[in-house]
Amino acid sequence: EIVYQKGREDIELLDSILIPAALGPYEIHGPVKLLRSYVP
């Protein structure tokens, strides 16, 4: 389980989704959990 926190401490997890590696300097090959604030 990978959780990305973008400048927030209130972690509100979304359902697991897939992220293309183009969104950041990481290779992701599976479901990850994002903060709601991360989603555009």
C-alpha atoms as a PDB file:
ATOM      1  CA  GLU A   1       0.000   0.000   0.000  1.00  0.00           C
ATOM      2  CA  ILE A   2       1.441   3.324  -1.069  1.00  0.00           C
ATOM      3  CA  VAL A   3       0.075   6.593   0.250  1.00  0.00           C
ATOM      4  CA  TYR A   4       1.090   9.909  -1.256  1.00  0.00           C
ATOM      5  CA  GLN A   5       0.725  12.911   0.986  1.00  0.00           C
ATOM      6  CA  LYS A   6       0.907  16.227  -0.822  1.00  0.00           C
ATOM      7  CA  GLY A   7       1.352  18.859   1.846  1.00  0.00           C
ATOM      8  CA  ARG A   8      -1.541  17.749   4.008  1.00  0.00           C
ATOM      9  CA  GLU A   9      -1.771  15.851   7.261  1.00  0.00           C
ATOM     10  CA  ASP A  10      -5.433  14.948   7.147  1.00  0.00           C
ATOM     11  CA  ILE A  11      -5.204  11.691   5.261  1.00  0.00           C
ATOM     12  CA  GLU A  12      -8.462  10.989   3.482  1.00  0.00           C
ATOM     13  CA  LEU A  13      -7.856   7.918   1.368  1.00  0.00           C
ATOM     14  CA  LEU A  14      -9.612   7.307  -1.885  1.00  0.00           C
ATOM     15  CA  ASP A  15     -10.312   3.866  -3.237  1.00  0.00           C
ATOM     16  CA  SER A  16      -7.265   2.212  -4.695  1.00  0.00           C
ATOM     17  CA  ILE A  17      -6.642   3.458  -8.220  1.00  0.00           C
ATOM     18  CA  LEU A  18      -3.930   3.200 -10.803  1.00  0.00           C
ATOM     19  CA  ILE A  19      -1.589   6.090 -11.507  1.00  0.00           C
ATOM     20  CA  PRO A  20       0.466   6.423 -14.667  1.00  0.00           C
ATOM     21  CA  ALA A  21       4.140   6.868 -13.855  1.00  0.00           C
ATOM     22  CA  ALA A  22       4.070  10.075 -15.901  1.00  0.00           C
ATOM     23  CA  LEU A  23       2.428  11.838 -12.957  1.00  0.00           C
ATOM     24  CA  GLY A  24       5.619  11.728 -10.967  1.00  0.00           C
ATOM     25  CA  PRO A  25       9.152  10.447 -10.620  1.00  0.00           C
ATOM     26  CA  TYR A  26       8.052   7.008  -9.514  1.00  0.00           C
ATOM     27  CA  GLU A  27       7.340   3.698 -11.150  1.00  0.00           C
ATOM     28  CA  ILE A  28       3.963   2.371 -10.143  1.00  0.00           C
ATOM     29  CA  HIS A  29       2.829  -1.055 -11.246  1.00  0.00           C
ATOM     30  CA  GLY A  30      -0.116  -1.701  -9.003  1.00  0.00           C
ATOM     31  CA  PRO A  31      -2.959  -0.133  -7.029  1.00  0.00           C
ATOM     32  CA  VAL A  32      -2.088   2.807  -4.809  1.00  0.00           C
ATOM     33  CA  LYS A  33      -4.085   4.978  -2.474  1.00  0.00           C
ATOM     34  CA  LEU A  34      -4.123   8.711  -3.033  1.00  0.00           C
ATOM     35  CA  LEU A  35      -5.188  11.594  -0.902  1.00  0.00           C
ATOM     36  CA  ARG A  36      -8.291  13.350  -2.128  1.00  0.00           C
ATOM     37  CA  SER A  37      -6.241  16.546  -2.370  1.00  0.00           C
ATOM     38  CA  TYR A  38      -3.956  14.888  -4.898  1.00  0.00           C
ATOM     39  CA  VAL A  39      -6.715  14.211  -7.387  1.00  0.00           C
ATOM     40  CA  PRO A  40      -7.175  17.071  -9.864  1.00  0.00           C
END
